[in-house]
Amino acid sequence: MRGQFIVAGTLVGGVLLSFLGWLTAALLPPRYKQFRDPGAVVEAVRANVSSNDIYTTPRGLFLAVSLPSSSDNGSRSFGTRVILQFGTEFVVALGLSLLLLMTAVRSPLAAAGLLGLAGFIAGIETHFPNWNWAGFPTSYLVAGTSYLAANWFIVGLALGAARRKLSPKDA
């Protein structure tokens, strides 16, 4: 049962996390605003950076730079990036499946609540420092934390249902 659940949870959860990630990126409002003159900004940044990285100034400007022509990530194809993203989602799904197996949770709703709470906590840990220290907008903190909590809640429903289905009837 445990082995079957780990395999099923990893596969179902990985596919679901991938789908939800693409859905949130495609449908939900963007968290980034556009520059008034993007060409001027790109040229100013290119003239002042040596590679893709995170840059800051004493006056509080914080800039994550990812220039398409940079050799840092430019060699990866779109297909490679998709494979890496799917692989990451399957690793996360494996972790969520193992986390669920470490509990006595049996109902899909309880599993969703547990993993949704874990996603909320992970979202705060991931996004709060950028909001607090780097001055990212509150919308970044709220959106990033909410997306993660909601996606893990939905995956929790699926994993809880899979666990219930794969559990022995007398457990």
C-alpha atoms as a PDB file:
ATOM      1  CA  MET A   1       0.000   0.000   0.000  1.00  0.00           C
ATOM      2  CA  ARG A   2       2.717   2.474   0.937  1.00  0.00           C
ATOM      3  CA  GLY A   3       4.696   1.801  -2.245  1.00  0.00           C
ATOM      4  CA  GLN A   4       1.609   2.060  -4.431  1.00  0.00           C
ATOM      5  CA  PHE A   5       0.618   5.319  -2.747  1.00  0.00           C
ATOM      6  CA  ILE A   6       4.101   6.813  -3.134  1.00  0.00           C
ATOM      7  CA  VAL A   7       4.108   6.021  -6.865  1.00  0.00           C
ATOM      8  CA  ALA A   8       0.495   7.124  -7.396  1.00  0.00           C
ATOM      9  CA  GLY A   9       0.915  10.231  -5.230  1.00  0.00           C
ATOM     10  CA  THR A  10       4.072  11.253  -7.040  1.00  0.00           C
ATOM     11  CA  LEU A  11       2.522  10.778 -10.484  1.00  0.00           C
ATOM     12  CA  VAL A  12      -0.884  12.292  -9.747  1.00  0.00           C
ATOM     13  CA  GLY A  13       0.546  15.064  -7.600  1.00  0.00           C
ATOM     14  CA  GLY A  14       3.304  15.901 -10.092  1.00  0.00           C
ATOM     15  CA  VAL A  15       0.900  16.172 -13.013  1.00  0.00           C
ATOM     16  CA  LEU A  16      -1.571  18.186 -10.935  1.00  0.00           C
ATOM     17  CA  LEU A  17       1.106  20.563  -9.607  1.00  0.00           C
ATOM     18  CA  SER A  18       2.392  21.092 -13.154  1.00  0.00           C
ATOM     19  CA  PHE A  19      -1.097  21.799 -14.455  1.00  0.00           C
ATOM     20  CA  LEU A  20      -1.901  24.158 -11.569  1.00  0.00           C
ATOM     21  CA  GLY A  21       1.395  25.990 -12.040  1.00  0.00           C
ATOM     22  CA  TRP A  22       0.692  26.569 -15.717  1.00  0.00           C
ATOM     23  CA  LEU A  23      -2.925  27.527 -14.946  1.00  0.00           C
ATOM     24  CA  THR A  24      -2.002  30.107 -12.329  1.00  0.00           C
ATOM     25  CA  ALA A  25       0.651  31.569 -14.634  1.00  0.00           C
ATOM     26  CA  ALA A  26      -1.780  31.769 -17.553  1.00  0.00           C
ATOM     27  CA  LEU A  27      -5.013  32.874 -15.891  1.00  0.00           C
ATOM     28  CA  LEU A  28      -4.251  34.787 -12.740  1.00  0.00           C
ATOM     29  CA  PRO A  29      -3.227  38.426 -12.887  1.00  0.00           C
ATOM     30  CA  PRO A  30       0.491  39.044 -13.335  1.00  0.00           C
ATOM     31  CA  ARG A  31       2.432  40.092 -10.271  1.00  0.00           C
ATOM     32  CA  TYR A  32       4.835  42.278 -12.218  1.00  0.00           C
ATOM     33  CA  LYS A  33       4.322  45.729 -13.711  1.00  0.00           C
ATOM     34  CA  GLN A  34       5.812  46.905 -17.000  1.00  0.00           C
ATOM     35  CA  PHE A  35       8.375  49.707 -17.296  1.00  0.00           C
ATOM     36  CA  ARG A  36       7.292  52.897 -19.088  1.00  0.00           C
ATOM     37  CA  ASP A  37      10.213  52.595 -21.531  1.00  0.00           C
ATOM     38  CA  PRO A  38      11.320  48.935 -21.505  1.00  0.00           C
ATOM     39  CA  GLY A  39      13.934  49.413 -24.227  1.00  0.00           C
ATOM     40  CA  ALA A  40      15.748  52.125 -22.263  1.00  0.00           C
ATOM     41  CA  VAL A  41      15.663  50.020 -19.101  1.00  0.00           C
ATOM     42  CA  VAL A  42      17.019  46.927 -20.872  1.00  0.00           C
ATOM     43  CA  GLU A  43      19.870  48.926 -22.395  1.00  0.00           C
ATOM     44  CA  ALA A  44      20.709  50.578 -19.042  1.00  0.00           C
ATOM     45  CA  VAL A  45      20.710  47.198 -17.306  1.00  0.00           C
ATOM     46  CA  ARG A  46      22.841  45.544 -20.029  1.00  0.00           C
ATOM     47  CA  ALA A  47      25.372  48.350 -19.701  1.00  0.00           C
ATOM     48  CA  ASN A  48      25.640  47.866 -15.928  1.00  0.00           C
ATOM     49  CA  VAL A  49      25.608  44.103 -15.319  1.00  0.00           C
ATOM     50  CA  SER A  50      28.004  41.311 -16.170  1.00  0.00           C
ATOM     51  CA  SER A  51      25.652  38.301 -15.946  1.00  0.00           C
ATOM     52  CA  ASN A  52      22.247  37.073 -14.850  1.00  0.00           C
ATOM     53  CA  ASP A  53      22.063  37.663 -11.110  1.00  0.00           C
ATOM     54  CA  ILE A  54      20.361  39.750  -8.448  1.00  0.00           C
ATOM     55  CA  TYR A  55      21.562  43.337  -8.194  1.00  0.00           C
ATOM     56  CA  THR A  56      20.871  46.128  -5.736  1.00  0.00           C
ATOM     57  CA  THR A  57      21.847  49.745  -5.133  1.00  0.00           C
ATOM     58  CA  PRO A  58      22.328  51.681  -1.888  1.00  0.00           C
ATOM     59  CA  ARG A  59      19.232  53.714  -2.822  1.00  0.00           C
ATOM     60  CA  GLY A  60      16.978  50.681  -2.552  1.00  0.00           C
ATOM     61  CA  LEU A  61      16.658  49.460  -6.128  1.00  0.00           C
ATOM     62  CA  PHE A  62      16.424  45.668  -6.264  1.00  0.00           C
ATOM     63  CA  LEU A  63      16.607  43.990  -9.663  1.00  0.00           C
ATOM     64  CA  ALA A  64      16.617  40.330 -10.655  1.00  0.00           C
ATOM     65  CA  VAL A  65      18.295  40.148 -14.064  1.00  0.00           C
ATOM     66  CA  SER A  66      17.652  37.394 -16.580  1.00  0.00           C
ATOM     67  CA  LEU A  67      18.751  38.537 -20.010  1.00  0.00           C
ATOM     68  CA  PRO A  68      17.873  36.123 -22.816  1.00  0.00           C
ATOM     69  CA  SER A  69      21.224  36.486 -24.552  1.00  0.00           C
ATOM     70  CA  SER A  70      23.188  35.792 -21.381  1.00  0.00           C
ATOM     71  CA  SER A  71      25.189  32.576 -21.342  1.00  0.00           C
ATOM     72  CA  ASP A  72      24.003  31.759 -17.782  1.00  0.00           C
ATOM     73  CA  ASN A  73      20.718  30.178 -18.852  1.00  0.00           C
ATOM     74  CA  GLY A  74      20.585  30.908 -22.557  1.00  0.00           C
ATOM     75  CA  SER A  75      21.841  27.484 -23.543  1.00  0.00           C
ATOM     76  CA  ARG A  76      18.767  25.700 -22.150  1.00  0.00           C
ATOM     77  CA  SER A  77      16.035  25.045 -24.676  1.00  0.00           C
ATOM     78  CA  PHE A  78      12.335  25.436 -23.954  1.00  0.00           C
ATOM     79  CA  GLY A  79      11.992  21.647 -23.869  1.00  0.00           C
ATOM     80  CA  THR A  80      14.762  21.347 -21.291  1.00  0.00           C
ATOM     81  CA  ARG A  81      13.083  23.987 -19.129  1.00  0.00           C
ATOM     82  CA  VAL A  82       9.737  22.158 -19.331  1.00  0.00           C
ATOM     83  CA  ILE A  83      11.386  18.871 -18.359  1.00  0.00           C
ATOM     84  CA  LEU A  84      13.157  20.519 -15.410  1.00  0.00           C
ATOM     85  CA  GLN A  85       9.876  22.096 -14.262  1.00  0.00           C
ATOM     86  CA  PHE A  86       7.988  18.803 -14.491  1.00  0.00           C
ATOM     87  CA  GLY A  87      10.819  17.030 -12.673  1.00  0.00           C
ATOM     88  CA  THR A  88      10.677  19.578  -9.872  1.00  0.00           C
ATOM     89  CA  GLU A  89       6.912  19.191  -9.548  1.00  0.00           C
ATOM     90  CA  PHE A  90       7.276  15.401  -9.289  1.00  0.00           C
ATOM     91  CA  VAL A  91       9.912  15.784  -6.562  1.00  0.00           C
ATOM     92  CA  VAL A  92       7.573  18.126  -4.644  1.00  0.00           C
ATOM     93  CA  ALA A  93       4.696  15.664  -5.107  1.00  0.00           C
ATOM     94  CA  LEU A  94       6.895  12.877  -3.783  1.00  0.00           C
ATOM     95  CA  GLY A  95       7.691  15.007  -0.723  1.00  0.00           C
ATOM     96  CA  LEU A  96       4.026  15.824  -0.149  1.00  0.00           C
ATOM     97  CA  SER A  97       3.133  12.122  -0.486  1.00  0.00           C
ATOM     98  CA  LEU A  98       5.791  11.159   2.046  1.00  0.00           C
ATOM     99  CA  LEU A  99       4.631  13.927   4.396  1.00  0.00           C
ATOM    100  CA  LEU A 100       1.069  12.636   4.181  1.00  0.00           C
ATOM    101  CA  LEU A 101       2.218   9.064   4.834  1.00  0.00           C
ATOM    102  CA  MET A 102       3.846  10.226   8.077  1.00  0.00           C
ATOM    103  CA  THR A 103       0.414  11.159   9.441  1.00  0.00           C
ATOM    104  CA  ALA A 104      -2.732   9.276  10.372  1.00  0.00           C
ATOM    105  CA  VAL A 105      -4.776  11.483   8.032  1.00  0.00           C
ATOM    106  CA  ARG A 106      -7.228   9.394   6.001  1.00  0.00           C
ATOM    107  CA  SER A 107      -9.840  11.796   4.605  1.00  0.00           C
ATOM    108  CA  PRO A 108      -9.210  13.834   1.456  1.00  0.00           C
ATOM    109  CA  LEU A 109     -10.373  17.036   3.156  1.00  0.00           C
ATOM    110  CA  ALA A 110      -8.044  16.536   6.129  1.00  0.00           C
ATOM    111  CA  ALA A 111      -5.168  15.798   3.743  1.00  0.00           C
ATOM    112  CA  ALA A 112      -6.012  18.960   1.803  1.00  0.00           C
ATOM    113  CA  GLY A 113      -6.077  20.976   5.016  1.00  0.00           C
ATOM    114  CA  LEU A 114      -2.740  19.595   6.150  1.00  0.00           C
ATOM    115  CA  LEU A 115      -0.976  20.134   2.833  1.00  0.00           C
ATOM    116  CA  GLY A 116      -2.674  23.503   2.293  1.00  0.00           C
ATOM    117  CA  LEU A 117      -1.374  24.619   5.692  1.00  0.00           C
ATOM    118  CA  ALA A 118       2.082  23.295   4.789  1.00  0.00           C
ATOM    119  CA  GLY A 119       1.897  25.274   1.526  1.00  0.00           C
ATOM    120  CA  PHE A 120       0.858  28.397   3.413  1.00  0.00           C
ATOM    121  CA  ILE A 121       3.790  28.015   5.821  1.00  0.00           C
ATOM    122  CA  ALA A 122       6.217  27.320   2.940  1.00  0.00           C
ATOM    123  CA  GLY A 123       4.841  30.333   1.061  1.00  0.00           C
ATOM    124  CA  ILE A 124       5.418  32.639   3.990  1.00  0.00           C
ATOM    125  CA  GLU A 125       8.929  31.286   4.517  1.00  0.00           C
ATOM    126  CA  THR A 126       9.680  31.701   0.810  1.00  0.00           C
ATOM    127  CA  HIS A 127       8.114  35.108   0.130  1.00  0.00           C
ATOM    128  CA  PHE A 128       8.200  36.983   3.444  1.00  0.00           C
ATOM    129  CA  PRO A 129      11.961  37.705   3.422  1.00  0.00           C
ATOM    130  CA  ASN A 130      11.697  39.358  -0.019  1.00  0.00           C
ATOM    131  CA  TRP A 131       8.790  41.470   1.197  1.00  0.00           C
ATOM    132  CA  ASN A 132      10.446  42.304   4.516  1.00  0.00           C
ATOM    133  CA  TRP A 133      14.064  42.874   3.497  1.00  0.00           C
ATOM    134  CA  ALA A 134      14.033  43.675  -0.212  1.00  0.00           C
ATOM    135  CA  GLY A 135      10.876  45.780  -0.274  1.00  0.00           C
ATOM    136  CA  PHE A 136       8.863  43.549  -2.578  1.00  0.00           C
ATOM    137  CA  PRO A 137       5.210  44.670  -2.730  1.00  0.00           C
ATOM    138  CA  THR A 138       2.626  43.163  -0.405  1.00  0.00           C
ATOM    139  CA  SER A 139       0.849  41.735  -3.463  1.00  0.00           C
ATOM    140  CA  TYR A 140       3.952  39.567  -4.084  1.00  0.00           C
ATOM    141  CA  LEU A 141       3.783  38.159  -0.555  1.00  0.00           C
ATOM    142  CA  VAL A 142       0.021  37.574  -0.660  1.00  0.00           C
ATOM    143  CA  ALA A 143      -0.103  36.154  -4.194  1.00  0.00           C
ATOM    144  CA  GLY A 144       2.935  33.892  -3.852  1.00  0.00           C
ATOM    145  CA  THR A 145       1.778  32.502  -0.516  1.00  0.00           C
ATOM    146  CA  SER A 146      -1.829  32.099  -1.671  1.00  0.00           C
ATOM    147  CA  TYR A 147      -0.912  30.328  -4.918  1.00  0.00           C
ATOM    148  CA  LEU A 148       1.267  27.843  -3.067  1.00  0.00           C
ATOM    149  CA  ALA A 149      -1.282  27.193  -0.307  1.00  0.00           C
ATOM    150  CA  ALA A 150      -4.144  26.782  -2.799  1.00  0.00           C
ATOM    151  CA  ASN A 151      -2.185  24.493  -5.125  1.00  0.00           C
ATOM    152  CA  TRP A 152      -1.016  22.280  -2.257  1.00  0.00           C
ATOM    153  CA  PHE A 153      -4.598  22.216  -0.887  1.00  0.00           C
ATOM    154  CA  ILE A 154      -5.903  20.950  -4.245  1.00  0.00           C
ATOM    155  CA  VAL A 155      -3.096  18.395  -4.513  1.00  0.00           C
ATOM    156  CA  GLY A 156      -3.912  17.382  -0.915  1.00  0.00           C
ATOM    157  CA  LEU A 157      -7.471  16.553  -1.997  1.00  0.00           C
ATOM    158  CA  ALA A 158      -6.132  14.307  -4.764  1.00  0.00           C
ATOM    159  CA  LEU A 159      -3.517  12.669  -2.542  1.00  0.00           C
ATOM    160  CA  GLY A 160      -6.069  12.158   0.239  1.00  0.00           C
ATOM    161  CA  ALA A 161      -8.435  10.490  -2.226  1.00  0.00           C
ATOM    162  CA  ALA A 162      -5.620   8.300  -3.552  1.00  0.00           C
ATOM    163  CA  ARG A 163      -4.576   7.344  -0.048  1.00  0.00           C
ATOM    164  CA  ARG A 164      -8.148   6.447   0.905  1.00  0.00           C
ATOM    165  CA  LYS A 165      -8.539   4.348  -2.248  1.00  0.00           C
ATOM    166  CA  LEU A 166      -5.245   2.527  -1.735  1.00  0.00           C
ATOM    167  CA  SER A 167      -5.728   1.969   2.020  1.00  0.00           C
ATOM    168  CA  PRO A 168      -6.949  -1.373   3.270  1.00  0.00           C
ATOM    169  CA  LYS A 169     -10.662  -1.271   4.142  1.00  0.00           C
ATOM    170  CA  ASP A 170     -10.051  -2.136   7.819  1.00  0.00           C
ATOM    171  CA  ALA A 171      -7.355   0.576   8.357  1.00  0.00           C
END
